[in-house]
């Protein structure tokens, strides 16, 4: 686990890991009141970008929110973070 000092002055913690949705780092950061963001959104958007490049498909942020939520649900759930503009 990360030491308490690592979270001093930290408001947001991102972990690129997507499975499990809530890693030890994110659980620890949450305990210190940090906003936590897991890697599922990054994974889903990478897939969407690959579809755009190879197939010309595009997805709205709202569609991607649904995809990300479904992925988290499939993994047993984890509170998803809303996009920055919504906060």
PDB file of N, CA and C in Angstrom:
ATOM      1  N   UNK A   1       0.843  -1.190   0.000  1.00  0.00           N
ATOM      2  CA  UNK A   1       0.000   0.000   0.000  1.00  0.00           C
ATOM      3  C   UNK A   1       0.880   1.243   0.000  1.00  0.00           C
ATOM      4  N   UNK A   2       0.385   2.269  -0.627  1.00  0.00           N
ATOM      5  CA  UNK A   2       1.127   3.533  -0.677  1.00  0.00           C
ATOM      6  C   UNK A   2       1.089   4.194   0.697  1.00  0.00           C
ATOM      7  N   UNK A   3       2.164   4.860   1.073  1.00  0.00           N
ATOM      8  CA  UNK A   3       2.186   5.534   2.377  1.00  0.00           C
ATOM      9  C   UNK A   3       1.236   6.736   2.397  1.00  0.00           C
ATOM     10  N   UNK A   4       0.775   7.075   3.568  1.00  0.00           N
ATOM     11  CA  UNK A   4      -0.163   8.188   3.731  1.00  0.00           C
ATOM     12  C   UNK A   4       0.371   9.480   3.122  1.00  0.00           C
ATOM     13  N   UNK A   5       1.674   9.706   3.213  1.00  0.00           N
ATOM     14  CA  UNK A   5       2.271  10.937   2.678  1.00  0.00           C
ATOM     15  C   UNK A   5       2.047  11.070   1.173  1.00  0.00           C
ATOM     16  N   UNK A   6       1.880   9.958   0.491  1.00  0.00           N
ATOM     17  CA  UNK A   6       1.693   9.995  -0.963  1.00  0.00           C
ATOM     18  C   UNK A   6       0.390  10.683  -1.346  1.00  0.00           C
ATOM     19  N   UNK A   7      -0.540  10.778  -0.398  1.00  0.00           N
ATOM     20  CA  UNK A   7      -1.841  11.358  -0.697  1.00  0.00           C
ATOM     21  C   UNK A   7      -1.997  12.782  -0.174  1.00  0.00           C
ATOM     22  N   UNK A   8      -0.975  13.302   0.482  1.00  0.00           N
ATOM     23  CA  UNK A   8      -1.025  14.680   0.969  1.00  0.00           C
ATOM     24  C   UNK A   8      -1.177  15.638  -0.204  1.00  0.00           C
ATOM     25  N   UNK A   9      -2.218  16.431  -0.204  1.00  0.00           N
ATOM     26  CA  UNK A   9      -2.452  17.413  -1.257  1.00  0.00           C
ATOM     27  C   UNK A   9      -2.950  16.808  -2.559  1.00  0.00           C
ATOM     28  N   UNK A  10      -3.237  15.520  -2.569  1.00  0.00           N
ATOM     29  CA  UNK A  10      -3.704  14.846  -3.775  1.00  0.00           C
ATOM     30  C   UNK A  10      -5.222  14.821  -3.799  1.00  0.00           C
ATOM     31  N   UNK A  11      -5.803  15.293  -4.883  1.00  0.00           N
ATOM     32  CA  UNK A  11      -7.260  15.310  -5.000  1.00  0.00           C
ATOM     33  C   UNK A  11      -7.788  14.154  -5.841  1.00  0.00           C
ATOM     34  N   UNK A  12      -6.990  13.717  -6.825  1.00  0.00           N
ATOM     35  CA  UNK A  12      -7.440  12.667  -7.736  1.00  0.00           C
ATOM     36  C   UNK A  12      -6.326  11.647  -7.927  1.00  0.00           C
ATOM     37  N   UNK A  13      -6.718  10.375  -7.929  1.00  0.00           N
ATOM     38  CA  UNK A  13      -5.763   9.291  -8.179  1.00  0.00           C
ATOM     39  C   UNK A  13      -6.292   8.457  -9.344  1.00  0.00           C
ATOM     40  N   UNK A  14      -5.436   8.199 -10.324  1.00  0.00           N
ATOM     41  CA  UNK A  14      -5.776   7.380 -11.481  1.00  0.00           C
ATOM     42  C   UNK A  14      -4.928   6.119 -11.449  1.00  0.00           C
ATOM     43  N   UNK A  15      -5.562   4.984 -11.667  1.00  0.00           N
ATOM     44  CA  UNK A  15      -4.850   3.718 -11.797  1.00  0.00           C
ATOM     45  C   UNK A  15      -5.244   3.120 -13.145  1.00  0.00           C
ATOM     46  N   UNK A  16      -4.283   2.860 -14.018  1.00  0.00           N
ATOM     47  CA  UNK A  16      -4.566   2.357 -15.363  1.00  0.00           C
ATOM     48  C   UNK A  16      -5.088   0.924 -15.357  1.00  0.00           C
ATOM     49  N   UNK A  17      -4.980   0.242 -14.230  1.00  0.00           N
ATOM     50  CA  UNK A  17      -5.487  -1.126 -14.122  1.00  0.00           C
ATOM     51  C   UNK A  17      -7.014  -1.094 -14.228  1.00  0.00           C
ATOM     52  N   UNK A  18      -7.581  -2.016 -15.009  1.00  0.00           N
ATOM     53  CA  UNK A  18      -9.038  -2.053 -15.169  1.00  0.00           C
ATOM     54  C   UNK A  18      -9.681  -3.270 -14.522  1.00  0.00           C
ATOM     55  N   UNK A  19      -8.894  -4.273 -14.159  1.00  0.00           N
ATOM     56  CA  UNK A  19      -9.444  -5.447 -13.493  1.00  0.00           C
ATOM     57  C   UNK A  19      -8.462  -5.925 -12.443  1.00  0.00           C
ATOM     58  N   UNK A  20      -8.777  -5.745 -11.172  1.00  0.00           N
ATOM     59  CA  UNK A  20     -10.085  -5.378 -10.632  1.00  0.00           C
ATOM     60  C   UNK A  20     -10.364  -3.889 -10.813  1.00  0.00           C
ATOM     61  N   UNK A  21     -11.632  -3.552 -10.811  1.00  0.00           N
ATOM     62  CA  UNK A  21     -12.029  -2.161 -10.980  1.00  0.00           C
ATOM     63  C   UNK A  21     -11.557  -1.274  -9.848  1.00  0.00           C
ATOM     64  N   UNK A  22     -11.550  -1.817  -8.651  1.00  0.00           N
ATOM     65  CA  UNK A  22     -11.077  -1.050  -7.496  1.00  0.00           C
ATOM     66  C   UNK A  22      -9.827  -1.737  -6.962  1.00  0.00           C
ATOM     67  N   UNK A  23      -8.687  -1.178  -7.272  1.00  0.00           N
ATOM     68  CA  UNK A  23      -7.401  -1.734  -6.854  1.00  0.00           C
ATOM     69  C   UNK A  23      -7.078  -1.291  -5.429  1.00  0.00           C
ATOM     70  N   UNK A  24      -6.039  -1.886  -4.866  1.00  0.00           N
ATOM     71  CA  UNK A  24      -5.585  -1.485  -3.537  1.00  0.00           C
ATOM     72  C   UNK A  24      -5.228  -0.001  -3.522  1.00  0.00           C
ATOM     73  N   UNK A  25      -4.568   0.476  -4.579  1.00  0.00           N
ATOM     74  CA  UNK A  25      -4.226   1.896  -4.663  1.00  0.00           C
ATOM     75  C   UNK A  25      -5.478   2.762  -4.585  1.00  0.00           C
ATOM     76  N   UNK A  26      -6.510   2.408  -5.364  1.00  0.00           N
ATOM     77  CA  UNK A  26      -7.732   3.216  -5.365  1.00  0.00           C
ATOM     78  C   UNK A  26      -8.480   3.117  -4.038  1.00  0.00           C
ATOM     79  N   UNK A  27      -8.521   1.939  -3.438  1.00  0.00           N
ATOM     80  CA  UNK A  27      -9.180   1.801  -2.121  1.00  0.00           C
ATOM     81  C   UNK A  27      -8.479   2.661  -1.084  1.00  0.00           C
ATOM     82  N   UNK A  28      -7.144   2.639  -1.120  1.00  0.00           N
ATOM     83  CA  UNK A  28      -6.367   3.436  -0.165  1.00  0.00           C
ATOM     84  C   UNK A  28      -6.611   4.920  -0.398  1.00  0.00           C
ATOM     85  N   UNK A  29      -6.551   5.348  -1.660  1.00  0.00           N
ATOM     86  CA  UNK A  29      -6.771   6.759  -1.985  1.00  0.00           C
ATOM     87  C   UNK A  29      -8.172   7.202  -1.585  1.00  0.00           C
ATOM     88  N   UNK A  30      -9.150   6.346  -1.825  1.00  0.00           N
ATOM     89  CA  UNK A  30     -10.532   6.659  -1.448  1.00  0.00           C
ATOM     90  C   UNK A  30     -10.633   6.902   0.055  1.00  0.00           C
ATOM     91  N   UNK A  31      -9.882   6.112   0.825  1.00  0.00           N
ATOM     92  CA  UNK A  31      -9.853   6.280   2.274  1.00  0.00           C
ATOM     93  C   UNK A  31      -9.307   7.631   2.704  1.00  0.00           C
ATOM     94  N   UNK A  32      -8.520   8.263   1.863  1.00  0.00           N
ATOM     95  CA  UNK A  32      -7.972   9.591   2.145  1.00  0.00           C
ATOM     96  C   UNK A  32      -8.786  10.692   1.480  1.00  0.00           C
ATOM     97  N   UNK A  33      -9.956  10.319   0.957  1.00  0.00           N
ATOM     98  CA  UNK A  33     -10.856  11.312   0.387  1.00  0.00           C
ATOM     99  C   UNK A  33     -10.545  11.728  -1.031  1.00  0.00           C
ATOM    100  N   UNK A  34      -9.703  10.992  -1.723  1.00  0.00           N
ATOM    101  CA  UNK A  34      -9.354  11.330  -3.103  1.00  0.00           C
ATOM    102  C   UNK A  34     -10.447  10.875  -4.060  1.00  0.00           C
ATOM    103  N   UNK A  35     -10.602  11.590  -5.149  1.00  0.00           N
ATOM    104  CA  UNK A  35     -11.442  11.145  -6.264  1.00  0.00           C
ATOM    105  C   UNK A  35     -10.639  10.057  -6.959  1.00  0.00           C
ATOM    106  N   UNK A  36     -11.267   8.921  -7.222  1.00  0.00           N
ATOM    107  CA  UNK A  36     -10.556   7.781  -7.783  1.00  0.00           C
ATOM    108  C   UNK A  36     -11.080   7.437  -9.165  1.00  0.00           C
ATOM    109  N   UNK A  37     -10.152   7.177 -10.077  1.00  0.00           N
ATOM    110  CA  UNK A  37     -10.497   6.835 -11.450  1.00  0.00           C
ATOM    111  C   UNK A  37      -9.720   5.572 -11.820  1.00  0.00           C
ATOM    112  N   UNK A  38     -10.462   4.535 -12.209  1.00  0.00           N
ATOM    113  CA  UNK A  38      -9.833   3.293 -12.643  1.00  0.00           C
ATOM    114  C   UNK A  38      -9.576   3.310 -14.135  1.00  0.00           C
ATOM    115  N   UNK A  39      -8.981   2.251 -14.641  1.00  0.00           N
ATOM    116  CA  UNK A  39      -8.538   2.207 -16.022  1.00  0.00           C
ATOM    117  C   UNK A  39      -9.571   1.750 -17.039  1.00  0.00           C
ATOM    118  N   UNK A  40     -10.788   1.407 -16.600  1.00  0.00           N
ATOM    119  CA  UNK A  40     -11.777   0.881 -17.538  1.00  0.00           C
ATOM    120  C   UNK A  40     -12.115   1.884 -18.640  1.00  0.00           C
ATOM    121  N   UNK A  41     -12.289   3.143 -18.299  1.00  0.00           N
ATOM    122  CA  UNK A  41     -12.633   4.148 -19.306  1.00  0.00           C
ATOM    123  C   UNK A  41     -11.517   4.273 -20.343  1.00  0.00           C
ATOM    124  N   UNK A  42     -10.284   4.236 -19.885  1.00  0.00           N
ATOM    125  CA  UNK A  42      -9.160   4.326 -20.815  1.00  0.00           C
ATOM    126  C   UNK A  42      -9.173   3.128 -21.770  1.00  0.00           C
ATOM    127  N   UNK A  43      -9.401   1.929 -21.245  1.00  0.00           N
ATOM    128  CA  UNK A  43      -9.452   0.739 -22.080  1.00  0.00           C
ATOM    129  C   UNK A  43     -10.575   0.844 -23.110  1.00  0.00           C
ATOM    130  N   UNK A  44     -11.758   1.261 -22.668  1.00  0.00           N
ATOM    131  CA  UNK A  44     -12.907   1.363 -23.571  1.00  0.00           C
ATOM    132  C   UNK A  44     -12.664   2.411 -24.654  1.00  0.00           C
ATOM    133  N   UNK A  45     -12.114   3.569 -24.278  1.00  0.00           N
ATOM    134  CA  UNK A  45     -11.849   4.618 -25.272  1.00  0.00           C
ATOM    135  C   UNK A  45     -10.748   4.209 -26.243  1.00  0.00           C
ATOM    136  N   UNK A  46      -9.779   3.409 -25.789  1.00  0.00           N
ATOM    137  CA  UNK A  46      -8.764   2.895 -26.713  1.00  0.00           C
ATOM    138  C   UNK A  46      -9.422   2.001 -27.754  1.00  0.00           C
ATOM    139  N   UNK A  47     -10.367   1.168 -27.319  1.00  0.00           N
ATOM    140  CA  UNK A  47     -11.105   0.321 -28.248  1.00  0.00           C
ATOM    141  C   UNK A  47     -11.917   1.142 -29.233  1.00  0.00           C
ATOM    142  N   UNK A  48     -12.566   2.194 -28.722  1.00  0.00           N
ATOM    143  CA  UNK A  48     -13.362   3.064 -29.588  1.00  0.00           C
ATOM    144  C   UNK A  48     -12.475   3.753 -30.626  1.00  0.00           C
ATOM    145  N   UNK A  49     -11.310   4.178 -30.205  1.00  0.00           N
ATOM    146  CA  UNK A  49     -10.389   4.837 -31.132  1.00  0.00           C
ATOM    147  C   UNK A  49      -9.897   3.854 -32.191  1.00  0.00           C
ATOM    148  N   UNK A  50      -9.657   2.606 -31.802  1.00  0.00           N
ATOM    149  CA  UNK A  50      -9.253   1.587 -32.774  1.00  0.00           C
ATOM    150  C   UNK A  50     -10.368   1.370 -33.800  1.00  0.00           C
ATOM    151  N   UNK A  51     -11.616   1.331 -33.338  1.00  0.00           N
ATOM    152  CA  UNK A  51     -12.744   1.189 -34.269  1.00  0.00           C
ATOM    153  C   UNK A  51     -12.814   2.386 -35.221  1.00  0.00           C
ATOM    154  N   UNK A  52     -12.533   3.589 -34.716  1.00  0.00           N
ATOM    155  CA  UNK A  52     -12.552   4.775 -35.576  1.00  0.00           C
ATOM    156  C   UNK A  52     -11.476   4.672 -36.650  1.00  0.00           C
ATOM    157  N   UNK A  53     -10.270   4.289 -36.241  1.00  0.00           N
ATOM    158  CA  UNK A  53      -9.150   4.209 -37.173  1.00  0.00           C
ATOM    159  C   UNK A  53      -9.382   3.130 -38.223  1.00  0.00           C
ATOM    160  N   UNK A  54      -9.801   1.952 -37.807  1.00  0.00           N
ATOM    161  CA  UNK A  54      -9.880   0.811 -38.716  1.00  0.00           C
ATOM    162  C   UNK A  54     -11.204   0.706 -39.457  1.00  0.00           C
ATOM    163  N   UNK A  55     -12.296   1.115 -38.806  1.00  0.00           N
ATOM    164  CA  UNK A  55     -13.614   0.902 -39.407  1.00  0.00           C
ATOM    165  C   UNK A  55     -14.385   2.189 -39.693  1.00  0.00           C
ATOM    166  N   UNK A  56     -13.867   3.317 -39.232  1.00  0.00           N
ATOM    167  CA  UNK A  56     -14.570   4.575 -39.418  1.00  0.00           C
ATOM    168  C   UNK A  56     -15.731   4.777 -38.464  1.00  0.00           C
ATOM    169  N   UNK A  57     -15.891   3.902 -37.468  1.00  0.00           N
ATOM    170  CA  UNK A  57     -16.973   4.033 -36.489  1.00  0.00           C
ATOM    171  C   UNK A  57     -16.677   5.173 -35.524  1.00  0.00           C
ATOM    172  N   UNK A  58     -17.721   5.760 -35.001  1.00  0.00           N
ATOM    173  CA  UNK A  58     -17.529   6.775 -33.967  1.00  0.00           C
ATOM    174  C   UNK A  58     -18.584   6.592 -32.888  1.00  0.00           C
ATOM    175  N   UNK A  59     -18.259   7.026 -31.694  1.00  0.00           N
ATOM    176  CA  UNK A  59     -19.129   6.853 -30.539  1.00  0.00           C
ATOM    177  C   UNK A  59     -19.206   8.165 -29.778  1.00  0.00           C
ATOM    178  N   UNK A  60     -20.386   8.489 -29.293  1.00  0.00           N
ATOM    179  CA  UNK A  60     -20.551   9.698 -28.483  1.00  0.00           C
ATOM    180  C   UNK A  60     -20.079   9.410 -27.063  1.00  0.00           C
ATOM    181  N   UNK A  61     -19.762  10.459 -26.317  1.00  0.00           N
ATOM    182  CA  UNK A  61     -19.412  10.250 -24.911  1.00  0.00           C
ATOM    183  C   UNK A  61     -20.529   9.531 -24.142  1.00  0.00           C
ATOM    184  N   UNK A  62     -21.775   9.811 -24.480  1.00  0.00           N
ATOM    185  CA  UNK A  62     -22.886   9.155 -23.798  1.00  0.00           C
ATOM    186  C   UNK A  62     -22.904   7.653 -24.113  1.00  0.00           C
ATOM    187  N   UNK A  63     -22.653   7.290 -25.359  1.00  0.00           N
ATOM    188  CA  UNK A  63     -22.574   5.870 -25.710  1.00  0.00           C
ATOM    189  C   UNK A  63     -21.429   5.195 -24.964  1.00  0.00           C
ATOM    190  N   UNK A  64     -20.310   5.875 -24.886  1.00  0.00           N
ATOM    191  CA  UNK A  64     -19.157   5.297 -24.200  1.00  0.00           C
ATOM    192  C   UNK A  64     -19.413   5.163 -22.703  1.00  0.00           C
ATOM    193  N   UNK A  65     -20.127   6.116 -22.114  1.00  0.00           N
ATOM    194  CA  UNK A  65     -20.480   5.981 -20.693  1.00  0.00           C
ATOM    195  C   UNK A  65     -21.243   4.681 -20.458  1.00  0.00           C
ATOM    196  N   UNK A  66     -22.163   4.364 -21.375  1.00  0.00           N
ATOM    197  CA  UNK A  66     -22.924   3.124 -21.266  1.00  0.00           C
ATOM    198  C   UNK A  66     -22.040   1.895 -21.404  1.00  0.00           C
ATOM    199  N   UNK A  67     -21.113   1.937 -22.351  1.00  0.00           N
ATOM    200  CA  UNK A  67     -20.185   0.821 -22.547  1.00  0.00           C
ATOM    201  C   UNK A  67     -19.334   0.622 -21.299  1.00  0.00           C
ATOM    202  N   UNK A  68     -18.799   1.711 -20.766  1.00  0.00           N
ATOM    203  CA  UNK A  68     -17.936   1.642 -19.582  1.00  0.00           C
ATOM    204  C   UNK A  68     -18.716   1.089 -18.398  1.00  0.00           C
ATOM    205  N   UNK A  69     -19.935   1.557 -18.217  1.00  0.00           N
ATOM    206  CA  UNK A  69     -20.776   1.063 -17.120  1.00  0.00           C
ATOM    207  C   UNK A  69     -21.025  -0.435 -17.264  1.00  0.00           C
ATOM    208  N   UNK A  70     -21.308  -0.890 -18.483  1.00  0.00           N
ATOM    209  CA  UNK A  70     -21.523  -2.322 -18.728  1.00  0.00           C
ATOM    210  C   UNK A  70     -20.267  -3.134 -18.412  1.00  0.00           C
ATOM    211  N   UNK A  71     -19.110  -2.610 -18.773  1.00  0.00           N
ATOM    212  CA  UNK A  71     -17.865  -3.315 -18.494  1.00  0.00           C
ATOM    213  C   UNK A  71     -17.630  -3.433 -16.994  1.00  0.00           C
ATOM    214  N   UNK A  72     -17.835  -2.335 -16.259  1.00  0.00           N
ATOM    215  CA  UNK A  72     -17.685  -2.398 -14.804  1.00  0.00           C
ATOM    216  C   UNK A  72     -18.674  -3.376 -14.191  1.00  0.00           C
ATOM    217  N   UNK A  73     -19.908  -3.379 -14.675  1.00  0.00           N
ATOM    218  CA  UNK A  73     -20.924  -4.293 -14.162  1.00  0.00           C
ATOM    219  C   UNK A  73     -20.500  -5.740 -14.408  1.00  0.00           C
ATOM    220  N   UNK A  74     -19.966  -6.013 -15.585  1.00  0.00           N
ATOM    221  CA  UNK A  74     -19.519  -7.359 -15.920  1.00  0.00           C
ATOM    222  C   UNK A  74     -18.398  -7.834 -14.998  1.00  0.00           C
ATOM    223  N   UNK A  75     -17.617  -6.899 -14.485  1.00  0.00           N
ATOM    224  CA  UNK A  75     -16.520  -7.245 -13.579  1.00  0.00           C
ATOM    225  C   UNK A  75     -16.954  -7.280 -12.121  1.00  0.00           C
ATOM    226  N   UNK A  76     -18.221  -7.078 -11.862  1.00  0.00           N
ATOM    227  CA  UNK A  76     -18.681  -7.132 -10.480  1.00  0.00           C
ATOM    228  C   UNK A  76     -18.869  -5.773  -9.849  1.00  0.00           C
ATOM    229  N   UNK A  77     -18.797  -4.739 -10.652  1.00  0.00           N
ATOM    230  CA  UNK A  77     -19.122  -3.394 -10.184  1.00  0.00           C
ATOM    231  C   UNK A  77     -17.970  -2.633  -9.585  1.00  0.00           C
ATOM    232  N   UNK A  78     -17.984  -1.383  -9.807  1.00  0.00           N
ATOM    233  CA  UNK A  78     -17.108  -0.385  -9.196  1.00  0.00           C
ATOM    234  C   UNK A  78     -17.697   0.952  -9.565  1.00  0.00           C
ATOM    235  N   UNK A  79     -17.762   1.811  -8.606  1.00  0.00           N
ATOM    236  CA  UNK A  79     -18.321   3.142  -8.822  1.00  0.00           C
ATOM    237  C   UNK A  79     -17.539   3.848  -9.911  1.00  0.00           C
ATOM    238  N   UNK A  80     -18.203   4.170 -11.004  1.00  0.00           N
ATOM    239  CA  UNK A  80     -17.506   4.826 -12.099  1.00  0.00           C
ATOM    240  C   UNK A  80     -17.452   6.323 -11.862  1.00  0.00           C
ATOM    241  N   UNK A  81     -16.362   6.911 -12.281  1.00  0.00           N
ATOM    242  CA  UNK A  81     -16.212   8.354 -12.151  1.00  0.00           C
ATOM    243  C   UNK A  81     -16.868   9.026 -13.340  1.00  0.00           C
ATOM    244  N   UNK A  82     -17.575  10.099 -13.107  1.00  0.00           N
ATOM    245  CA  UNK A  82     -18.182  10.876 -14.185  1.00  0.00           C
ATOM    246  C   UNK A  82     -17.107  11.674 -14.899  1.00  0.00           C
ATOM    247  N   UNK A  83     -17.375  12.023 -16.127  1.00  0.00           N
ATOM    248  CA  UNK A  83     -16.422  12.843 -16.882  1.00  0.00           C
ATOM    249  C   UNK A  83     -16.197  14.163 -16.153  1.00  0.00           C
ATOM    250  N   UNK A  84     -15.009  14.696 -16.298  1.00  0.00           N
ATOM    251  CA  UNK A  84     -14.612  15.909 -15.598  1.00  0.00           C
ATOM    252  C   UNK A  84     -15.595  17.052 -15.801  1.00  0.00           C
ATOM    253  N   UNK A  85     -16.149  17.207 -17.015  1.00  0.00           N
ATOM    254  CA  UNK A  85     -17.022  18.347 -17.252  1.00  0.00           C
ATOM    255  C   UNK A  85     -18.329  18.240 -16.475  1.00  0.00           C
ATOM    256  N   UNK A  86     -18.649  17.075 -15.957  1.00  0.00           N
ATOM    257  CA  UNK A  86     -19.881  16.900 -15.202  1.00  0.00           C
ATOM    258  C   UNK A  86     -19.701  17.232 -13.728  1.00  0.00           C
ATOM    259  N   UNK A  87     -18.474  17.395 -13.285  1.00  0.00           N
ATOM    260  CA  UNK A  87     -18.233  17.649 -11.860  1.00  0.00           C
ATOM    261  C   UNK A  87     -18.084  19.114 -11.568  1.00  0.00           C
TER     262      UNK A  87
END
